[in-house]
Amino acid sequence: MPRSLLLALLFACAPGNHSDADRVRQPAPEAAPPVAAARLPAPTEPAAPAQEAAAAQAPEAPTPGRSKIVDRHIVDPEAHSGFVEFAAQLPRGGALWIGELAGNGGRDVLIYIPPESDPAADVQLVYHFHGTYSEVFEPKRDGVPKKRWVGWDRLQQTLDAVTELQSKRPYNVALVYPLSAGKRPEPEQTGWWNGAYDRMWMEPRPPTYTDSFVLLHEEVVALLTGTLGVDPARIEAKVIAEGHSAGGIALWNIAESGAANVGEYIFLDASFEGWADGCYAGAQRTKAPALVTLVVTDRGIADPYGARDPWCTTREQHAALFTQHRAFCAEHPEAKPPGCEVGCEQLEFSSESWDERKDWCVALRDDMKKLRGVYLHRTKIPHAAQPRHFVGGLELPASRFE
C-alpha cells in the first residue's frame, strides 16, 4: 500500500542559564568514543576452537570506569527561545546541554542527566519524541492558548519523570529530547496533507529528508562522552525510544530505517493506525530484538477499539462490505454501494489495510498476550499526563521483558 496514501488518511492526534561559549557546536560524529557492548548472558555451551581464536585476536572491550558527569548547564543562546527560557528556570544541578544537532535535521535537542547521578553506574539513554504543538512552547499563564504552553508542560513532565526514574533504577538516565519541525509537508506532497504533526521526523531520505536517528545517536554519544563527562564504557548499547501522542510517528520511522540499537520502543498513547504496527514490522525486518510497548489510555484516542478512533473495528467492517459489494464497486468505483455511508474507494482501501493489519488487531483483542515482542499496558492515566508516569518505563512492570 502506498505509504503516502496511508499517511494522508491517518488520524491526527491532538494532543537563565546561558551558554559557556558564543555558540554551542557539536563535535564531529567520527570522534565519538566506542559504545559499551550490550550486557548479554554468558553462553551456555563452550565456544568452538575457531571462535576462541577469533576472540583471542579481538580487541578487549573497554573496562567501565567512573564517569565524571559535569554539574553544568550548557545552553546555546541562539537555541529555540522556549528551550532557553525553560533552561533558565531550572534549578542548578545535573548536566544539561541544548543546541542544534544534524541528526535532528539541524533543529535543537535537549540532553539532560538529572542531579545526583552515580559515577559508578551505567547510563541509559532515553530518546523522547514529543507530541503535537510541543515544538513551540512557553510558560502557562493567563491569555496563553493551550497549543503554546502544552510543550512546556510536557517537557517538565518528562524531566520530572526521568529524575524519578534515575532515583529508582540502578543506572543513570540521559534524556534526549529533540524538537520536531512541526507542521511541514513532504517536499513531494501535493494537494491535501495532514498539518497536525511532522511526518518526516526521523525518516532519513536525503537530500530532502535530513533527519537521521543513527547520526543523532552518534552526536549524542559524542556529547555525553566528550562534553558531559560520561565514561564511554558506561553507556548502555541499547537505548529506549519513546513517543508521546504524535511523537509515535518518529518511532515508526526509526524502526523502518533499520536502527539496531533500540532495545524498546514505548508508544505513550501513540499507537495510531500504521504507527505501532508499522514499528513492529520494521523492527522484525531488521532482526534486532526490540520490545514494542504500547501504553494505551482506556477508551482514549489511541485505543483502536475505543470510541474516539476505533480503526480496527472500522477496517474490519469496511473490508466485509467491500467483499459484499465487490462486483458493484468493479463497475462503479467512485460510487457508494447501496446502503453504505462510504464509497467504493474507501472500502477498497480499508480492505487492503485490514489484510495488512488483521493479525495486529486480532492480537489487540487479547491484549497482545500471544504476539511475541509486544507488550500492552492499559491505563486510566489520561493522555495528557502519560509522560509523567511512563517516560523511560517509569511505572511499567519489569515483567514486560519476560
Protein backbone atom coordinates (compact mmCIF):
# COMPACT_ATOMS: atom_id res chain seq x y z
CA MET A 1 0.00 0.00 0.00
CA PRO A 2 1.49 3.47 -0.85
CA ARG A 3 2.81 4.99 2.35
CA SER A 4 1.78 8.49 1.33
CA LEU A 5 -1.84 7.36 0.89
CA LEU A 6 -1.87 5.73 4.30
CA LEU A 7 -0.37 8.77 5.98
CA ALA A 8 -2.86 11.07 4.32
CA LEU A 9 -5.72 9.08 5.82
CA LEU A 10 -4.26 8.60 9.29
CA PHE A 11 -5.91 10.13 12.34
CA ALA A 12 -4.22 13.34 13.51
CA CYS A 13 -3.76 13.35 17.33
CA ALA A 14 -4.31 16.36 19.44
CA PRO A 15 -2.72 16.37 21.94
CA GLY A 16 18.59 32.00 32.97
CA ASN A 17 21.32 29.73 32.24
CA HIS A 18 23.31 30.95 29.29
CA SER A 19 25.91 29.34 27.10
CA ASP A 20 29.50 28.93 28.24
CA ALA A 21 30.51 29.73 24.68
CA ASP A 22 29.31 32.07 21.96
CA ARG A 23 27.74 29.20 20.05
CA VAL A 24 27.49 25.56 21.03
CA ARG A 25 28.77 23.30 18.27
CA GLN A 26 28.54 19.54 18.06
CA PRO A 27 31.79 17.53 17.97
CA ALA A 28 32.32 15.56 14.78
CA PRO A 29 30.47 12.24 14.98
CA GLU A 30 33.53 10.29 13.89
CA ALA A 31 35.30 11.41 17.05
CA ALA A 32 32.76 9.62 19.24
CA PRO A 33 34.30 7.01 21.60
CA PRO A 34 33.07 3.44 21.29
CA VAL A 35 29.82 2.50 22.99
CA ALA A 36 29.81 -0.34 25.51
CA ALA A 37 28.55 -3.67 24.25
CA ALA A 38 25.16 -4.85 25.40
CA ARG A 39 25.27 -6.87 28.58
CA LEU A 40 24.22 -10.32 27.41
CA PRO A 41 24.17 -13.58 29.37
CA ALA A 42 27.22 -15.82 29.08
CA PRO A 43 26.96 -18.63 26.51
CA THR A 44 25.74 -21.94 27.92
CA GLU A 45 27.94 -24.05 25.62
CA PRO A 46 31.74 -23.95 25.24
CA ALA A 47 32.95 -21.98 22.24
CA ALA A 48 34.42 -23.78 19.26
CA PRO A 49 38.24 -23.53 18.77
CA ALA A 50 37.81 -21.16 15.82
CA GLN A 51 35.61 -18.91 17.91
CA GLU A 52 38.15 -18.98 20.75
CA ALA A 53 40.92 -17.98 18.35
CA ALA A 54 38.84 -15.12 16.95
CA ALA A 55 38.00 -13.97 20.45
CA ALA A 56 41.68 -14.01 21.43
CA GLN A 57 42.55 -11.74 18.50
CA ALA A 58 39.63 -9.35 19.06
CA PRO A 59 40.38 -6.13 20.97
CA GLU A 60 39.22 -6.15 24.56
CA ALA A 61 36.13 -4.14 25.39
CA PRO A 62 36.90 -1.06 27.47
CA THR A 63 36.66 -1.63 31.20
CA PRO A 64 33.89 0.51 32.68
CA GLY A 65 35.32 3.27 34.82
CA ARG A 66 33.83 6.06 36.85
CA SER A 67 32.08 8.79 34.90
CA LYS A 68 32.88 12.38 35.70
CA ILE A 69 29.46 13.79 34.84
CA VAL A 70 29.59 17.56 34.90
CA ASP A 71 27.31 19.63 37.08
CA ARG A 72 26.83 22.24 34.41
CA HIS A 73 24.20 23.76 32.12
CA ILE A 74 25.40 24.47 28.59
CA VAL A 75 22.74 26.30 26.60
CA ASP A 76 23.15 27.77 23.14
CA PRO A 77 21.77 31.33 23.44
CA GLU A 78 20.55 31.07 19.84
CA ALA A 79 18.56 27.90 20.54
CA HIS A 80 14.76 27.75 20.43
CA SER A 81 13.53 30.59 22.64
CA GLY A 82 11.30 28.21 24.58
CA PHE A 83 14.26 25.96 25.35
CA VAL A 84 16.37 28.90 26.54
CA GLU A 85 13.60 30.23 28.77
CA PHE A 86 12.84 26.77 30.12
CA ALA A 87 16.50 26.14 30.95
CA ALA A 88 16.75 29.50 32.73
CA GLN A 89 14.15 28.50 35.30
CA LEU A 90 15.59 25.06 36.02
CA PRO A 91 17.33 24.63 39.39
CA ARG A 92 21.08 24.32 39.13
CA GLY A 93 22.33 20.76 39.22
CA GLY A 94 22.66 17.91 36.81
CA ALA A 95 24.10 18.03 33.33
CA LEU A 96 22.19 19.96 30.67
CA TRP A 97 23.07 20.62 27.04
CA ILE A 98 20.89 22.43 24.48
CA GLY A 99 21.83 23.11 20.88
CA GLU A 100 21.42 22.11 17.25
CA LEU A 101 22.20 18.58 16.06
CA ALA A 102 22.38 17.49 12.44
CA GLY A 103 20.72 14.14 13.17
CA ASN A 104 17.58 16.03 14.18
CA GLY A 105 17.54 17.87 10.88
CA GLY A 106 19.60 20.75 12.30
CA ARG A 107 16.95 21.51 14.91
CA ASP A 108 17.52 21.89 18.62
CA VAL A 109 17.91 19.00 21.04
CA LEU A 110 17.94 18.94 24.84
CA ILE A 111 20.17 16.44 26.65
CA TYR A 112 19.69 16.10 30.39
CA ILE A 113 21.19 13.93 33.15
CA PRO A 114 19.40 14.57 36.47
CA PRO A 115 21.30 15.62 39.60
CA GLU A 116 22.85 13.07 41.95
CA SER A 117 23.98 10.69 39.24
CA ASP A 118 26.16 7.76 40.29
CA PRO A 119 29.64 7.92 38.70
CA ALA A 120 29.99 4.14 39.01
CA ALA A 121 26.65 3.35 37.33
CA ASP A 122 25.82 2.78 33.68
CA VAL A 123 23.91 5.37 31.65
CA GLN A 124 20.62 4.51 29.95
CA LEU A 125 19.70 6.77 27.04
CA VAL A 126 16.02 7.67 26.67
CA TYR A 127 15.03 9.36 23.41
CA HIS A 128 11.68 11.10 23.88
CA PHE A 129 9.72 12.37 20.87
CA HIS A 130 7.04 14.87 21.84
CA GLY A 131 3.51 15.29 20.53
CA THR A 132 1.59 17.89 18.57
CA TYR A 133 2.34 21.59 19.21
CA SER A 134 5.21 20.84 21.60
CA GLU A 135 7.82 22.23 19.22
CA VAL A 136 6.67 25.74 20.20
CA PHE A 137 6.22 26.37 23.90
CA GLU A 138 6.13 28.96 26.64
CA PRO A 139 5.03 29.02 30.29
CA LYS A 140 1.38 28.54 31.12
CA ARG A 141 -0.19 31.84 32.08
CA ASP A 142 -3.39 33.81 31.59
CA GLY A 143 -4.13 34.54 27.95
CA VAL A 144 -1.74 31.92 26.54
CA PRO A 145 -3.60 29.30 24.45
CA LYS A 146 -3.00 25.64 25.22
CA LYS A 147 -1.22 24.98 21.95
CA ARG A 148 1.52 27.37 23.11
CA TRP A 149 2.03 26.13 26.68
CA VAL A 150 1.44 22.41 26.15
CA GLY A 151 5.06 21.86 25.06
CA TRP A 152 6.37 23.46 28.25
CA ASP A 153 4.10 21.23 30.33
CA ARG A 154 5.12 18.05 28.50
CA LEU A 155 8.83 18.83 28.79
CA GLN A 156 8.51 19.49 32.53
CA GLN A 157 6.64 16.20 32.95
CA THR A 158 9.38 14.40 31.07
CA LEU A 159 12.21 15.89 33.16
CA ASP A 160 10.35 15.12 36.39
CA ALA A 161 9.84 11.54 35.22
CA VAL A 162 13.49 10.87 34.30
CA THR A 163 14.60 12.38 37.61
CA GLU A 164 12.38 9.93 39.47
CA LEU A 165 13.41 7.12 37.12
CA GLN A 166 17.09 7.67 37.90
CA SER A 167 16.38 7.61 41.64
CA LYS A 168 14.57 4.26 41.36
CA ARG A 169 16.82 2.39 38.93
CA PRO A 170 20.37 1.05 39.29
CA TYR A 171 21.52 3.24 36.40
CA ASN A 172 21.79 6.88 35.45
CA VAL A 173 19.43 8.32 32.85
CA ALA A 174 20.35 10.56 29.94
CA LEU A 175 17.24 12.12 28.42
CA VAL A 176 17.44 13.15 24.77
CA TYR A 177 14.57 15.47 23.82
CA PRO A 178 14.61 16.57 20.15
CA LEU A 179 12.26 19.20 18.76
CA SER A 180 10.22 18.34 15.68
CA ALA A 181 9.77 20.66 12.72
CA GLY A 182 6.07 20.96 13.49
CA LYS A 183 3.71 21.24 10.56
CA ARG A 184 5.68 20.53 7.40
CA PRO A 185 4.53 18.68 4.29
CA GLU A 186 6.86 16.33 2.47
CA PRO A 187 8.70 18.09 -0.38
CA GLU A 188 6.89 15.98 -2.98
CA GLN A 189 3.48 16.36 -1.31
CA THR A 190 0.71 17.86 -3.43
CA GLY A 191 -2.87 18.63 -2.52
CA TRP A 192 -4.28 17.88 0.91
CA TRP A 193 -1.96 16.94 3.75
CA ASN A 194 -2.39 16.48 7.48
CA GLY A 195 -0.73 19.52 9.02
CA ALA A 196 -1.06 18.43 12.63
CA TYR A 197 2.26 16.64 13.01
CA ASP A 198 5.69 16.10 11.47
CA ARG A 199 5.54 13.00 9.28
CA MET A 200 9.19 13.33 8.22
CA TRP A 201 10.57 13.18 11.76
CA MET A 202 13.44 10.68 11.95
CA GLU A 203 12.88 9.46 8.39
CA PRO A 204 16.26 9.58 6.63
CA ARG A 205 15.74 10.08 2.91
CA PRO A 206 18.40 12.53 1.74
CA PRO A 207 18.70 15.07 0.32
CA THR A 208 15.20 16.35 1.09
CA TYR A 209 14.72 14.37 4.33
CA THR A 210 17.59 15.35 6.61
CA ASP A 211 16.71 13.60 9.90
CA SER A 212 18.71 10.50 10.88
CA PHE A 213 18.41 8.59 14.15
CA VAL A 214 21.75 6.88 13.54
CA LEU A 215 23.51 10.23 13.14
CA LEU A 216 21.61 11.72 16.08
CA HIS A 217 22.77 8.89 18.33
CA GLU A 218 26.38 9.32 17.20
CA GLU A 219 26.21 13.02 18.01
CA VAL A 220 24.59 12.42 21.40
CA VAL A 221 27.22 9.85 22.40
CA ALA A 222 29.98 12.26 21.35
CA LEU A 223 28.46 14.97 23.54
CA LEU A 224 27.90 12.68 26.51
CA THR A 225 31.48 11.42 26.47
CA GLY A 226 33.30 14.49 25.20
CA THR A 227 31.41 17.30 26.93
CA LEU A 228 29.27 15.95 29.76
CA GLY A 229 31.81 13.57 31.30
CA VAL A 230 30.20 10.17 30.77
CA ASP A 231 32.63 7.26 30.64
CA PRO A 232 32.23 5.67 27.16
CA ALA A 233 32.08 2.15 28.59
CA ARG A 234 29.21 3.17 30.87
CA ILE A 235 26.78 3.90 28.03
CA GLU A 236 24.23 1.15 27.55
CA ALA A 237 24.35 -0.18 23.99
CA LYS A 238 20.56 -0.48 23.74
CA VAL A 239 18.53 2.71 24.01
CA ILE A 240 14.88 3.43 24.76
CA ALA A 241 13.00 5.30 22.04
CA GLU A 242 9.58 6.60 23.05
CA GLY A 243 6.95 8.83 21.53
CA HIS A 244 4.01 10.58 23.15
CA SER A 245 0.93 11.19 21.02
CA ALA A 246 2.06 12.37 17.55
CA GLY A 247 5.65 11.58 18.54
CA GLY A 248 4.81 7.95 17.82
CA ILE A 249 5.38 8.52 14.11
CA ALA A 250 9.08 9.09 14.80
CA LEU A 251 9.31 5.59 16.30
CA TRP A 252 7.79 4.12 13.16
CA ASN A 253 10.34 5.96 11.04
CA ILE A 254 13.23 4.86 13.28
CA ALA A 255 12.24 1.21 13.04
CA GLU A 256 11.69 1.48 9.28
CA SER A 257 15.19 2.95 8.89
CA GLY A 258 16.69 -0.22 10.34
CA ALA A 259 18.05 1.14 13.62
CA ALA A 260 19.53 -1.81 15.50
CA ASN A 261 20.44 -0.08 18.78
CA VAL A 262 16.89 0.32 20.13
CA GLY A 263 16.05 -2.08 22.95
CA GLU A 264 12.50 -0.86 23.50
CA TYR A 265 10.02 1.32 21.65
CA ILE A 266 7.44 2.85 24.01
CA PHE A 267 4.27 4.29 22.47
CA LEU A 268 2.74 6.65 25.04
CA ASP A 269 -0.87 6.81 23.85
CA ALA A 270 0.62 6.99 20.37
CA SER A 271 -0.22 3.64 18.78
CA PHE A 272 -2.35 5.06 15.98
CA GLU A 273 -3.04 3.11 12.81
CA GLY A 274 0.15 2.25 10.98
CA TRP A 275 2.49 3.60 13.63
CA ALA A 276 2.94 0.94 16.31
CA ASP A 277 2.17 -1.94 13.96
CA GLY A 278 4.47 -0.37 11.38
CA CYS A 279 7.19 -0.01 14.01
CA TYR A 280 6.80 -3.65 14.99
CA ALA A 281 7.03 -4.77 11.37
CA GLY A 282 10.11 -2.60 10.81
CA ALA A 283 11.84 -3.95 13.90
CA GLN A 284 11.07 -7.51 12.83
CA ARG A 285 12.65 -6.91 9.43
CA THR A 286 15.91 -5.69 10.98
CA LYS A 287 16.01 -8.81 13.15
CA ALA A 288 17.04 -6.52 16.00
CA PRO A 289 15.43 -7.69 19.25
CA ALA A 290 13.36 -4.72 20.39
CA LEU A 291 10.29 -4.79 22.59
CA VAL A 292 7.36 -2.71 21.32
CA THR A 293 5.44 -1.42 24.35
CA LEU A 294 2.01 0.17 23.97
CA VAL A 295 0.71 2.35 26.79
CA VAL A 296 -2.95 2.94 25.99
CA THR A 297 -5.45 5.03 27.92
CA ASP A 298 -8.67 3.00 28.08
CA ARG A 299 -11.20 4.32 25.58
CA GLY A 300 -8.73 7.05 24.70
CA ILE A 301 -7.56 8.47 21.39
CA ALA A 302 -5.05 5.68 20.74
CA ASP A 303 -7.36 2.79 21.64
CA PRO A 304 -8.09 1.06 18.29
CA TYR A 305 -11.29 -0.34 19.74
CA GLY A 306 -12.20 2.82 21.64
CA ALA A 307 -14.83 5.44 20.96
CA ARG A 308 -12.55 8.14 19.52
CA ASP A 309 -10.96 6.29 16.60
CA PRO A 310 -11.92 2.59 16.53
CA TRP A 311 -9.85 1.95 13.44
CA CYS A 312 -9.57 -1.82 13.91
CA THR A 313 -13.35 -2.09 14.05
CA THR A 314 -13.81 0.27 11.11
CA ARG A 315 -11.29 -1.50 8.86
CA GLU A 316 -12.82 -4.91 9.57
CA GLN A 317 -16.35 -3.70 8.87
CA HIS A 318 -15.33 -1.91 5.68
CA ALA A 319 -13.41 -4.97 4.47
CA ALA A 320 -16.53 -7.08 4.90
CA LEU A 321 -18.60 -4.52 2.99
CA PHE A 322 -16.08 -4.40 0.16
CA THR A 323 -16.22 -8.18 -0.16
CA GLN A 324 -20.02 -7.99 -0.21
CA HIS A 325 -20.12 -5.24 -2.86
CA ARG A 326 -17.03 -6.17 -4.88
CA ALA A 327 -18.99 -6.63 -8.11
CA PHE A 328 -20.78 -3.29 -7.69
CA CYS A 329 -17.51 -1.48 -6.96
CA ALA A 330 -15.85 -3.02 -10.01
CA GLU A 331 -18.46 -1.30 -12.19
CA HIS A 332 -18.88 1.86 -10.09
CA PRO A 333 -15.51 2.52 -8.36
CA GLU A 334 -16.37 6.10 -7.43
CA ALA A 335 -19.88 5.41 -6.15
CA LYS A 336 -21.28 4.35 -2.80
CA PRO A 337 -22.74 0.84 -2.73
CA PRO A 338 -26.43 0.67 -1.80
CA GLY A 339 -26.88 1.22 1.92
CA CYS A 340 -23.25 2.21 2.52
CA GLU A 341 -22.13 5.52 4.01
CA VAL A 342 -18.71 5.41 2.35
CA GLY A 343 -17.67 4.93 -1.25
CA CYS A 344 -16.00 2.05 -3.01
CA GLU A 345 -12.55 3.65 -2.97
CA GLN A 346 -12.61 3.94 0.81
CA LEU A 347 -13.97 0.41 1.18
CA GLU A 348 -11.22 -0.98 -1.02
CA PHE A 349 -8.56 0.96 0.89
CA SER A 350 -9.91 -0.37 4.18
CA SER A 351 -9.97 -3.89 2.80
CA GLU A 352 -6.29 -3.66 1.86
CA SER A 353 -5.48 -2.14 5.25
CA TRP A 354 -7.35 -4.92 7.03
CA ASP A 355 -5.38 -7.55 5.13
CA GLU A 356 -2.17 -5.92 6.40
CA ARG A 357 -3.29 -5.33 9.99
CA LYS A 358 -5.72 -8.14 10.73
CA ASP A 359 -3.22 -10.13 12.82
CA TRP A 360 -2.32 -7.00 14.80
CA CYS A 361 -5.93 -6.09 15.52
CA VAL A 362 -6.87 -9.64 16.46
CA ALA A 363 -3.92 -9.76 18.87
CA LEU A 364 -5.07 -6.48 20.41
CA ARG A 365 -8.36 -8.10 21.40
CA ASP A 366 -6.35 -10.39 23.65
CA ASP A 367 -4.13 -7.54 24.92
CA MET A 368 -1.19 -8.75 22.79
CA LYS A 369 -0.65 -11.78 25.03
CA LYS A 370 0.07 -14.04 22.06
CA LEU A 371 2.17 -11.67 19.95
CA ARG A 372 5.82 -12.11 20.87
CA GLY A 373 7.79 -8.89 21.19
CA VAL A 374 4.80 -6.66 22.00
CA TYR A 375 3.57 -5.60 25.44
CA LEU A 376 0.27 -3.77 26.00
CA HIS A 377 -0.29 -1.75 29.16
CA ARG A 378 -3.79 -0.37 29.60
CA THR A 379 -4.15 2.54 32.00
CA LYS A 380 -6.60 5.06 33.41
CA ILE A 381 -3.88 7.74 33.31
CA PRO A 382 -5.19 10.38 30.87
CA HIS A 383 -3.43 11.14 27.62
CA ALA A 384 -2.07 14.50 28.79
CA ALA A 385 -0.42 13.03 31.91
CA GLN A 386 1.23 9.97 30.42
CA PRO A 387 4.76 11.43 30.15
CA ARG A 388 4.97 12.00 33.91
CA HIS A 389 4.06 8.38 34.63
CA PHE A 390 5.61 6.30 31.87
CA VAL A 391 8.68 8.06 30.43
CA GLY A 392 11.52 5.54 30.29
CA GLY A 393 9.14 2.85 31.53
CA LEU A 394 8.87 4.55 34.94
CA GLU A 395 5.60 2.95 36.08
CA LEU A 396 5.69 -0.05 33.75
CA PRO A 397 6.26 -3.53 35.23
CA ALA A 398 9.66 -5.11 34.75
CA SER A 399 7.82 -8.31 33.84
CA ARG A 400 7.11 -6.92 30.38
CA PHE A 401 10.52 -8.24 29.27
CA GLU A 402 9.78 -11.80 30.36
